[in-house]
Protein backbone atom coordinates (compact mmCIF):
# COMPACT_ATOMS: atom_id res chain seq x y z
CA MET A 1 -253.43 -74.74 -14.28
CA THR A 2 -251.32 -74.76 -11.19
CA GLU A 3 -250.19 -71.59 -10.23
CA THR A 4 -246.25 -71.02 -9.39
CA TYR A 5 -244.37 -68.96 -6.71
CA ASP A 6 -241.13 -67.98 -6.28
CA LEU A 7 -240.84 -69.16 -2.45
CA ILE A 8 -243.13 -70.83 -0.13
CA LEU A 9 -242.94 -70.57 3.67
CA LYS A 10 -243.76 -74.20 4.38
CA GLY A 11 -245.49 -75.75 7.47
CA GLY A 12 -245.34 -72.67 9.97
CA THR A 13 -247.91 -71.17 12.55
CA VAL A 14 -249.24 -68.10 10.88
CA VAL A 15 -250.31 -65.47 13.44
CA ASN A 16 -252.23 -62.52 11.93
CA GLN A 17 -255.24 -60.63 12.30
CA ASP A 18 -257.31 -63.21 11.97
CA GLY A 19 -255.62 -65.64 14.74
CA GLU A 20 -253.09 -68.15 14.70
CA GLY A 21 -253.09 -71.70 12.31
CA VAL A 22 -250.73 -73.75 10.58
CA ARG A 23 -250.57 -72.27 6.90
CA ASP A 24 -248.13 -72.10 3.67
CA VAL A 25 -247.49 -68.61 2.68
CA ALA A 26 -246.43 -68.23 -1.05
CA ILE A 27 -244.62 -65.32 -2.47
CA ARG A 28 -244.21 -63.86 -5.82
CA GLY A 29 -241.63 -60.90 -6.27
CA ASN A 30 -241.96 -58.75 -3.30
CA ARG A 31 -245.58 -59.52 -2.49
CA ILE A 32 -247.63 -62.18 -0.63
CA ALA A 33 -249.56 -64.20 -3.56
CA GLY A 34 -251.21 -66.84 -1.45
CA LEU A 35 -252.21 -68.50 1.96
CA GLY A 36 -253.13 -72.03 2.53
CA SER A 37 -251.47 -75.16 1.53
CA PHE A 38 -249.13 -75.44 -1.42
CA ASP A 39 -247.14 -78.12 -2.84
CA LYS A 40 -243.15 -77.85 -2.98
CA ALA A 41 -243.42 -77.97 -6.39
CA GLN A 42 -245.16 -74.94 -7.07
CA ALA A 43 -242.18 -72.79 -6.30
CA GLY A 44 -238.35 -72.24 -6.98
CA GLU A 45 -237.68 -72.22 -3.36
CA THR A 46 -239.20 -73.70 -0.14
CA VAL A 47 -238.38 -72.83 3.29
CA ASP A 48 -239.41 -75.40 5.95
CA CYS A 49 -241.04 -73.50 8.87
CA THR A 50 -242.16 -76.37 10.73
CA GLY A 51 -242.36 -75.79 14.72
CA LEU A 52 -241.75 -71.97 13.91
CA HIS A 53 -244.19 -69.10 13.97
CA ILE A 54 -244.47 -66.98 11.12
CA LEU A 55 -245.34 -63.16 12.11
CA PRO A 56 -245.98 -60.08 9.91
CA GLY A 57 -242.72 -58.02 9.83
CA VAL A 58 -242.13 -56.29 13.19
CA ILE A 59 -241.89 -52.57 12.97
CA ASP A 60 -239.76 -50.41 15.04
CA SER A 61 -241.17 -46.98 14.72
CA GLN A 62 -238.49 -45.37 17.13
CA VAL A 63 -234.85 -45.91 16.36
CA HIS A 64 -231.67 -43.33 16.37
CA PHE A 65 -229.25 -44.75 13.93
CA ARG A 66 -226.95 -41.43 14.10
CA GLU A 67 -226.25 -41.00 10.55
CA PRO A 68 -225.21 -38.20 9.33
CA GLY A 69 -222.79 -36.45 11.85
CA LEU A 70 -222.47 -39.12 14.74
CA ASP A 71 -221.59 -42.18 12.54
CA HIS A 72 -218.96 -43.39 15.00
CA LYS A 73 -221.89 -44.43 17.30
CA GLU A 74 -223.94 -46.10 14.65
CA ASP A 75 -224.78 -45.63 10.96
CA LEU A 76 -227.78 -46.75 8.77
CA GLU A 77 -226.01 -49.81 7.65
CA SER A 78 -225.03 -50.89 11.01
CA GLY A 79 -227.98 -50.13 12.80
CA SER A 80 -230.25 -51.58 10.09
CA ARG A 81 -228.12 -54.69 10.44
CA ALA A 82 -229.08 -54.99 14.21
CA ALA A 83 -232.61 -54.38 13.22
CA VAL A 84 -232.94 -57.49 10.90
CA MET A 85 -230.48 -59.82 13.35
CA GLY A 86 -233.40 -59.13 15.55
CA GLY A 87 -236.12 -59.82 13.61
CA VAL A 88 -237.14 -56.35 12.51
CA THR A 89 -238.13 -55.57 9.08
CA ALA A 90 -238.71 -51.99 9.15
CA VAL A 91 -237.64 -48.89 11.05
CA PHE A 92 -238.66 -45.10 11.53
CA GLU A 93 -235.61 -43.26 12.20
CA MET A 94 -235.39 -40.10 14.37
CA PRO A 95 -234.33 -36.57 13.06
CA ASN A 96 -231.82 -35.36 15.84
CA THR A 97 -228.96 -36.04 13.51
CA ASN A 98 -226.41 -33.55 12.45
CA PRO A 99 -227.54 -32.01 10.62
CA LEU A 100 -230.98 -32.25 11.48
CA THR A 101 -233.64 -33.69 9.53
CA ILE A 102 -235.73 -30.82 9.21
CA THR A 103 -235.86 -29.68 5.62
CA GLU A 104 -236.91 -31.28 2.41
CA ALA A 105 -232.81 -31.92 1.27
CA ALA A 106 -231.99 -33.56 4.50
CA LEU A 107 -234.87 -35.98 4.25
CA ALA A 108 -234.05 -36.93 0.74
CA ASP A 109 -230.42 -37.07 1.60
CA LYS A 110 -231.25 -39.85 4.24
CA VAL A 111 -233.79 -41.50 1.69
CA LYS A 112 -230.64 -41.59 -0.69
CA ARG A 113 -228.11 -43.03 2.09
CA GLY A 114 -230.93 -45.73 3.19
CA HIS A 115 -231.70 -47.25 -0.47
CA HIS A 116 -230.23 -50.50 -0.89
CA ARG A 117 -227.55 -49.71 1.89
CA MET A 118 -230.04 -50.53 4.80
CA HIS A 119 -230.99 -54.18 5.04
CA CYS A 120 -234.55 -53.42 6.38
CA ASP A 121 -236.91 -50.97 4.99
CA PHE A 122 -236.99 -47.42 6.32
CA ALA A 123 -238.57 -44.00 6.82
CA PHE A 124 -237.50 -40.90 8.67
CA TRP A 125 -239.35 -38.73 10.98
CA VAL A 126 -238.82 -35.14 10.34
CA GLY A 127 -238.16 -32.54 13.35
CA GLY A 128 -240.72 -29.93 13.45
CA THR A 129 -239.26 -26.74 14.70
CA ARG A 130 -239.92 -22.89 14.89
CA GLU A 131 -238.02 -22.28 11.68
CA ASN A 132 -239.59 -24.72 9.67
CA VAL A 133 -243.52 -24.45 10.70
CA ASP A 134 -244.77 -23.11 7.42
CA GLU A 135 -243.31 -26.24 5.45
CA ILE A 136 -244.68 -28.77 8.01
CA PRO A 137 -247.68 -29.87 5.66
CA ASP A 138 -245.65 -30.75 2.84
CA LEU A 139 -242.69 -32.36 4.98
CA GLU A 140 -244.63 -34.71 6.53
CA ARG A 141 -245.95 -36.05 3.24
CA LEU A 142 -242.78 -36.14 1.36
CA PRO A 143 -241.14 -39.67 -0.11
CA GLY A 144 -239.76 -41.55 3.00
CA ALA A 145 -241.39 -39.26 5.77
CA ALA A 146 -242.67 -41.19 8.71
CA GLY A 147 -244.19 -37.49 10.17
CA ILE A 148 -243.17 -35.11 12.14
CA LYS A 149 -241.32 -35.36 15.44
CA MET A 150 -241.07 -32.84 18.38
CA PHE A 151 -238.89 -32.59 21.58
CA MET A 152 -240.83 -30.73 24.23
CA GLY A 153 -237.63 -31.78 26.89
CA SER A 154 -234.15 -31.72 25.79
CA SER A 155 -232.23 -34.66 25.02
CA THR A 156 -229.69 -35.96 22.45
CA GLY A 157 -229.48 -33.06 19.60
CA ASP A 158 -230.78 -29.76 19.32
CA LEU A 159 -234.30 -29.87 18.28
CA LEU A 160 -235.85 -28.61 21.42
CA VAL A 161 -239.57 -26.62 21.22
CA GLU A 162 -240.31 -26.50 24.94
CA ASP A 163 -243.15 -23.54 24.58
CA ASP A 164 -246.78 -24.09 24.27
CA ALA A 165 -246.69 -21.32 21.22
CA GLY A 166 -244.04 -23.10 19.39
CA VAL A 167 -245.75 -26.45 19.90
CA ARG A 168 -249.25 -24.92 18.68
CA ALA A 169 -247.93 -23.73 15.87
CA VAL A 170 -246.57 -26.86 14.49
CA LEU A 171 -249.46 -28.83 15.66
CA ALA A 172 -252.05 -26.35 13.71
CA LYS A 173 -250.03 -27.42 10.52
CA THR A 174 -249.97 -31.04 10.83
CA ARG A 175 -252.68 -33.78 9.55
CA ARG A 176 -250.81 -36.51 10.13
CA ARG A 177 -249.98 -38.29 13.53
CA THR A 178 -247.30 -36.15 15.38
CA ALA A 179 -244.60 -37.94 17.60
CA PHE A 180 -243.63 -36.19 20.91
CA HIS A 181 -240.90 -36.63 23.40
CA SER A 182 -242.89 -35.37 26.41
CA GLU A 183 -241.03 -34.32 29.30
CA ASP A 184 -241.25 -30.67 30.56
CA GLU A 185 -238.23 -28.74 29.86
CA TYR A 186 -239.30 -25.85 32.30
CA ARG A 187 -239.16 -28.34 35.18
CA LEU A 188 -236.15 -30.07 34.01
CA ARG A 189 -234.00 -27.02 34.10
CA ASP A 190 -235.35 -25.95 37.58
CA ARG A 191 -234.23 -29.18 39.11
CA MET A 192 -230.94 -29.53 37.46
CA GLY A 193 -229.23 -29.20 40.93
CA LEU A 194 -230.83 -32.68 41.82
CA ARG A 195 -228.25 -34.55 39.73
CA VAL A 196 -225.65 -35.70 41.95
CA GLU A 197 -222.08 -36.27 40.55
CA ASN A 198 -221.44 -39.72 39.69
CA ASP A 199 -224.65 -41.23 40.85
CA PRO A 200 -226.93 -42.10 37.94
CA THR A 201 -229.64 -43.04 40.38
CA SER A 202 -230.36 -39.28 40.49
CA HIS A 203 -231.28 -39.49 37.17
CA PRO A 204 -234.99 -40.16 37.71
CA VAL A 205 -234.81 -38.23 40.54
CA TRP A 206 -234.17 -34.88 38.39
CA ARG A 207 -236.28 -36.08 35.46
CA ASP A 208 -239.39 -36.98 37.56
CA GLU A 209 -242.86 -38.54 36.83
CA ILE A 210 -244.02 -34.75 37.38
CA ALA A 211 -241.95 -33.65 34.62
CA ALA A 212 -243.21 -36.19 32.26
CA LEU A 213 -246.85 -35.59 33.35
CA GLN A 214 -247.14 -32.05 33.18
CA CYS A 215 -245.52 -32.10 29.64
CA THR A 216 -248.34 -34.72 28.64
CA GLN A 217 -250.99 -32.82 30.07
CA ARG A 218 -249.77 -29.57 28.24
CA LEU A 219 -249.65 -31.43 24.92
CA VAL A 220 -253.06 -33.02 25.12
CA ARG A 221 -254.64 -29.52 25.98
CA ILE A 222 -252.74 -27.88 22.80
CA ALA A 223 -253.67 -31.17 20.60
CA ARG A 224 -257.37 -30.52 21.54
CA GLU A 225 -257.34 -26.85 20.78
CA VAL A 226 -255.89 -27.39 17.64
CA GLY A 227 -257.62 -30.66 16.42
CA ALA A 228 -254.38 -32.56 16.00
CA LYS A 229 -253.33 -36.37 16.51
CA ILE A 230 -250.42 -36.94 18.55
CA HIS A 231 -248.24 -40.02 19.62
CA ILE A 232 -246.48 -40.15 22.88
CA LEU A 233 -243.29 -41.92 22.85
CA HIS A 234 -241.52 -43.82 25.50
CA LEU A 235 -244.16 -43.41 28.04
CA SER A 236 -242.65 -44.38 31.42
CA THR A 237 -244.87 -43.03 34.13
CA ALA A 238 -248.01 -44.53 35.98
CA GLU A 239 -249.63 -40.74 36.23
CA GLU A 240 -249.56 -40.68 32.68
CA VAL A 241 -250.95 -43.91 31.92
CA ASP A 242 -254.02 -43.08 34.24
CA PHE A 243 -254.39 -39.55 32.73
CA LEU A 244 -254.07 -40.75 29.05
CA ILE A 245 -257.18 -43.15 29.51
CA ASP A 246 -259.54 -40.18 28.88
CA HIS A 247 -257.80 -38.94 25.74
CA LYS A 248 -257.35 -42.13 23.54
CA ASP A 249 -259.27 -40.30 20.79
CA ILE A 250 -256.38 -37.91 19.99
CA ALA A 251 -253.45 -39.55 21.78
CA SER A 252 -251.55 -43.01 20.92
CA ILE A 253 -249.22 -44.31 23.19
CA GLU A 254 -245.31 -46.09 22.57
CA VAL A 255 -243.78 -47.97 25.35
CA THR A 256 -240.22 -49.51 25.34
CA PRO A 257 -238.94 -53.04 26.38
CA HIS A 258 -236.81 -51.38 28.83
CA HIS A 259 -239.57 -49.37 30.75
CA LEU A 260 -241.37 -52.66 30.87
CA THR A 261 -238.49 -54.85 31.86
CA LEU A 262 -236.22 -52.78 33.99
CA THR A 263 -236.42 -50.74 37.18
CA ASP A 264 -234.32 -48.49 39.01
CA GLU A 265 -232.78 -51.48 40.79
CA ALA A 266 -230.70 -51.70 37.43
CA TYR A 267 -228.82 -48.56 38.50
CA LYS A 268 -227.04 -50.61 40.98
CA THR A 269 -225.43 -53.15 38.69
CA LEU A 270 -225.14 -51.33 35.45
CA GLY A 271 -225.22 -47.65 36.17
CA THR A 272 -225.28 -45.01 33.24
CA LEU A 273 -225.67 -48.22 30.70
CA VAL A 274 -229.28 -47.77 31.90
CA GLN A 275 -229.36 -43.69 31.88
CA MET A 276 -232.50 -43.08 29.42
CA ASN A 277 -234.57 -40.07 28.48
CA PRO A 278 -237.34 -40.39 29.98
CA PRO A 279 -235.62 -42.43 32.83
CA VAL A 280 -235.86 -46.27 33.93
CA ARG A 281 -238.04 -45.67 37.13
CA ALA A 282 -239.16 -47.48 40.21
CA ALA A 283 -241.40 -50.80 39.63
CA ARG A 284 -244.36 -49.03 40.73
CA HIS A 285 -244.18 -47.45 37.23
CA GLY A 286 -243.29 -50.62 35.27
CA GLU A 287 -246.28 -52.36 36.98
CA ARG A 288 -248.87 -49.73 35.68
CA LEU A 289 -247.21 -49.55 32.02
CA TRP A 290 -247.91 -53.41 31.99
CA TRP A 291 -251.52 -52.69 33.36
CA GLY A 292 -252.18 -50.34 30.60
CA LEU A 293 -251.01 -52.80 27.87
CA GLU A 294 -253.18 -55.27 29.57
CA GLN A 295 -256.19 -53.20 29.11
CA GLY A 296 -255.37 -52.25 25.82
CA ILE A 297 -254.40 -48.49 26.73
CA LEU A 298 -250.98 -48.81 25.21
CA ASP A 299 -250.47 -48.93 21.53
CA ILE A 300 -247.35 -50.16 20.30
CA PHE A 301 -243.80 -51.08 21.24
CA GLY A 302 -240.86 -49.19 20.04
CA SER A 303 -237.23 -49.72 20.84
CA ASP A 304 -235.81 -46.10 21.29
CA HIS A 305 -232.70 -47.52 20.13
CA ALA A 306 -229.99 -44.98 20.71
CA PRO A 307 -226.77 -46.32 20.91
CA HIS A 308 -223.22 -44.59 22.40
CA LEU A 309 -220.24 -46.10 22.63
CA LEU A 310 -219.28 -47.92 25.71
CA GLU A 311 -216.36 -45.14 26.54
CA GLU A 312 -219.01 -42.40 26.24
CA LYS A 313 -221.54 -44.10 28.64
CA GLN A 314 -218.68 -44.72 31.08
CA LYS A 315 -218.13 -41.30 31.53
CA PRO A 316 -219.37 -39.96 35.23
CA TYR A 317 -222.99 -39.26 35.10
CA PRO A 318 -224.06 -36.52 34.52
CA ALA A 319 -221.42 -36.22 31.75
CA SER A 320 -222.65 -39.51 30.60
CA PRO A 321 -225.14 -39.58 27.67
CA SER A 322 -228.45 -40.79 27.64
CA GLY A 323 -229.35 -43.90 25.32
CA MET A 324 -228.89 -47.35 24.97
CA THR A 325 -229.33 -50.18 22.27
CA GLY A 326 -232.75 -51.75 21.87
CA VAL A 327 -233.52 -52.55 18.01
CA GLN A 328 -231.91 -56.11 18.09
CA THR A 329 -233.39 -57.18 21.62
CA LEU A 330 -236.84 -55.92 20.92
CA VAL A 331 -238.31 -59.20 19.74
CA PRO A 332 -236.22 -61.43 22.06
CA ILE A 333 -237.00 -59.50 25.41
CA MET A 334 -240.76 -59.27 24.35
CA LEU A 335 -241.27 -63.05 23.13
CA ASP A 336 -239.91 -63.67 26.88
CA HIS A 337 -242.82 -61.85 28.25
CA VAL A 338 -244.85 -63.71 25.84
CA ASN A 339 -243.49 -66.93 27.29
CA ALA A 340 -244.11 -65.64 30.76
CA GLY A 341 -247.45 -65.17 30.18
CA ARG A 342 -247.50 -61.46 30.46
CA LEU A 343 -248.82 -60.89 27.16
CA SER A 344 -250.11 -63.28 24.09
CA LEU A 345 -248.42 -63.52 20.74
CA THR A 346 -251.31 -61.90 19.02
CA ARG A 347 -251.09 -59.08 21.34
CA PHE A 348 -247.09 -58.82 20.57
CA VAL A 349 -247.94 -58.74 16.78
CA ASP A 350 -250.57 -55.91 17.35
CA MET A 351 -248.12 -54.10 19.33
CA THR A 352 -245.24 -54.53 16.65
CA SER A 353 -246.78 -54.89 13.21
CA ALA A 354 -250.69 -54.19 13.10
CA GLY A 355 -250.58 -51.25 15.51
CA PRO A 356 -247.48 -49.02 13.76
CA ALA A 357 -249.23 -49.89 10.21
CA ARG A 358 -252.65 -48.55 11.79
CA LEU A 359 -251.39 -45.31 13.67
CA PHE A 360 -248.99 -44.41 11.12
CA GLN A 361 -251.14 -45.29 7.62
CA THR A 362 -248.29 -47.64 6.17
CA ALA A 363 -249.12 -49.01 2.99
CA LEU A 364 -248.57 -52.67 2.25
CA LYS A 365 -247.03 -53.54 5.60
CA GLY A 366 -248.36 -54.79 8.88
CA ARG A 367 -250.58 -57.76 7.81
CA ILE A 368 -249.93 -61.25 6.20
CA ALA A 369 -252.27 -60.74 3.54
CA VAL A 370 -252.23 -61.52 -0.20
CA GLY A 371 -251.17 -58.32 -1.86
CA TYR A 372 -248.98 -57.04 0.90
CA ASP A 373 -245.25 -56.80 1.09
CA ALA A 374 -243.54 -60.45 1.93
CA ASP A 375 -242.34 -59.07 5.28
CA PHE A 376 -242.04 -61.90 8.21
CA THR A 377 -240.41 -62.08 11.32
CA ILE A 378 -240.18 -65.83 11.95
CA VAL A 379 -239.60 -66.80 15.29
CA ASP A 380 -239.06 -70.10 17.33
CA MET A 381 -240.96 -69.76 20.38
CA LYS A 382 -239.54 -72.42 22.32
CA LYS A 383 -236.00 -71.43 21.66
CA ARG A 384 -233.58 -70.48 24.74
CA GLU A 385 -230.77 -68.22 24.28
CA THR A 386 -228.66 -66.05 25.99
CA ILE A 387 -228.39 -62.22 24.93
CA ARG A 388 -224.54 -61.50 24.60
CA ASN A 389 -222.70 -58.34 24.14
CA GLU A 390 -221.01 -60.36 21.19
CA TRP A 391 -224.23 -60.90 19.31
CA THR A 392 -224.79 -57.05 18.95
CA ALA A 393 -224.39 -55.95 15.59
CA SER A 394 -224.58 -52.19 16.56
CA LYS A 395 -221.51 -50.16 16.17
CA CYS A 396 -221.19 -49.81 19.77
CA GLY A 397 -221.11 -53.32 20.50
CA TRP A 398 -223.06 -53.90 24.12
CA THR A 399 -226.63 -54.25 25.21
CA PRO A 400 -227.90 -53.82 28.89
CA TYR A 401 -229.39 -57.18 28.73
CA ASP A 402 -225.99 -59.06 28.10
CA GLY A 403 -226.01 -62.35 30.00
CA LYS A 404 -229.84 -62.39 29.94
CA GLU A 405 -231.51 -65.54 29.29
CA VAL A 406 -234.76 -65.57 27.11
CA THR A 407 -237.17 -67.77 25.79
CA GLY A 408 -238.28 -67.08 22.15
CA TRP A 409 -236.03 -66.15 19.51
CA PRO A 410 -236.06 -64.53 15.88
CA VAL A 411 -234.54 -67.10 13.39
CA GLY A 412 -235.42 -65.64 10.29
CA THR A 413 -236.09 -61.91 8.64
CA PHE A 414 -237.58 -61.50 5.41
CA VAL A 415 -238.08 -57.97 3.62
CA ARG A 416 -240.35 -57.86 0.65
CA GLY A 417 -239.83 -61.64 -0.14
CA THR A 418 -235.87 -61.56 0.49
CA LYS A 419 -234.51 -63.68 3.06
CA VAL A 420 -232.16 -61.34 4.64
CA MET A 421 -231.40 -63.27 7.94
CA TRP A 422 -231.83 -66.67 8.87
CA ASP A 423 -230.39 -68.55 12.11
CA GLY A 424 -228.39 -66.01 13.03
CA ASP A 425 -226.45 -65.32 9.69
CA LEU A 426 -227.12 -62.41 7.09
CA THR A 427 -228.07 -64.22 3.83
CA THR A 428 -228.38 -61.45 1.32
CA PRO A 429 -226.71 -58.01 0.48
CA SER A 430 -228.78 -55.02 1.98
CA THR A 431 -231.84 -54.16 -0.18
CA GLY A 432 -233.85 -51.85 2.07
CA GLU A 433 -236.19 -49.18 0.29
CA ALA A 434 -238.67 -46.39 1.70
CA VAL A 435 -241.59 -47.39 3.28
CA LEU A 436 -244.91 -46.13 1.64
CA PHE A 437 -247.55 -44.26 3.41
CA GLN A 438 -251.34 -43.89 2.89
CA ASP A 439 -251.10 -40.07 3.53
CA GLY A 440 -247.75 -39.55 1.55
CA LEU A 441 -248.42 -41.88 -1.82
CA PRO A 442 -247.82 -39.99 -5.03
CA ARG A 443 -251.03 -38.90 -6.88
CA GLY A 444 -251.94 -39.30 -10.50
């Protein structure tokens, strides 16, 4: 008897852990049901993917969607709309909201807010603090929890734990991989006088490479002392790349598209729009990050999507807040690098789906395989587009890449078998649900 399916993606080039090849993908319900060659008559719906590449759904494990408390900049609906418009099928959202995501109740509130309101699937990082250290073993395994996130350098919000004792206390309680904003707060305080009024080029002078390296060195030492796994977010310096080569047994590394694409030259034209923590730096840092990517030292891409309204960003430095949009441009910016020959498409897949699934132990995501969630990022590798502010679905309505022409474009986003974006249009009401994790699955 011939099997039947709900949906068949027909004739696309599937890029997966076993390489690239033209294959059909059959979907039944929320899951992948078959790979191979199927007749159109076997499914109620067929999507022609001829000439397109079918990738495992892109997971962006570092976004700030600002809800609750800062909803005027972004909220879970608008941020997730930007995600699926850019081909992203799942996001891990950060805890520096108001109130902070540091309790079971705050996490449950976010999960409730996101359920079937967000357009993509989701998880939420829980902030690690001195106050919630005893609850860490339970907090990191709650439904919808991506793990524990800590800030060793001040950024947006109030989650700073700058001292070794505070970091050690939290890491001693963790069993999952803990994510870190790694900048040395003591050095940042000492160097605040180096900020120059109305001169954002002084931002990377203040938050220099030594502040990043010193903090990462401290963090690795503490992690070794307590036997913890750590994840360094938004790596930005050549010095950290070289240092972390010898610590890959405990430390995984995220790199952002903006640290790979932009240099300090961008301050001349974009000013505070490229102000980030850690900063966009001199070209030598980006070159070493690319070397680290080529050598397999870096593990995943994350956007660090951190929106602020244009009028906020245009305040004179240093009154201007740090952060920029990124979740919607992650895929096109990095596909443009693929087309330029800087990385392969299979490496892109590893950095955006297989890699996050491996590091954070997601269940049913990260691969195109029978039994897995039917999450797909479908891209046209030959399509040339110009990124525009008007395309940006974020509430803040701007991107630092406005006017940039790229080759390679997301044309379809499928979340658990549902086509949520196709050819630039939202096609289905939001159906996002909490991501499941191997270390957080309910027992029984």
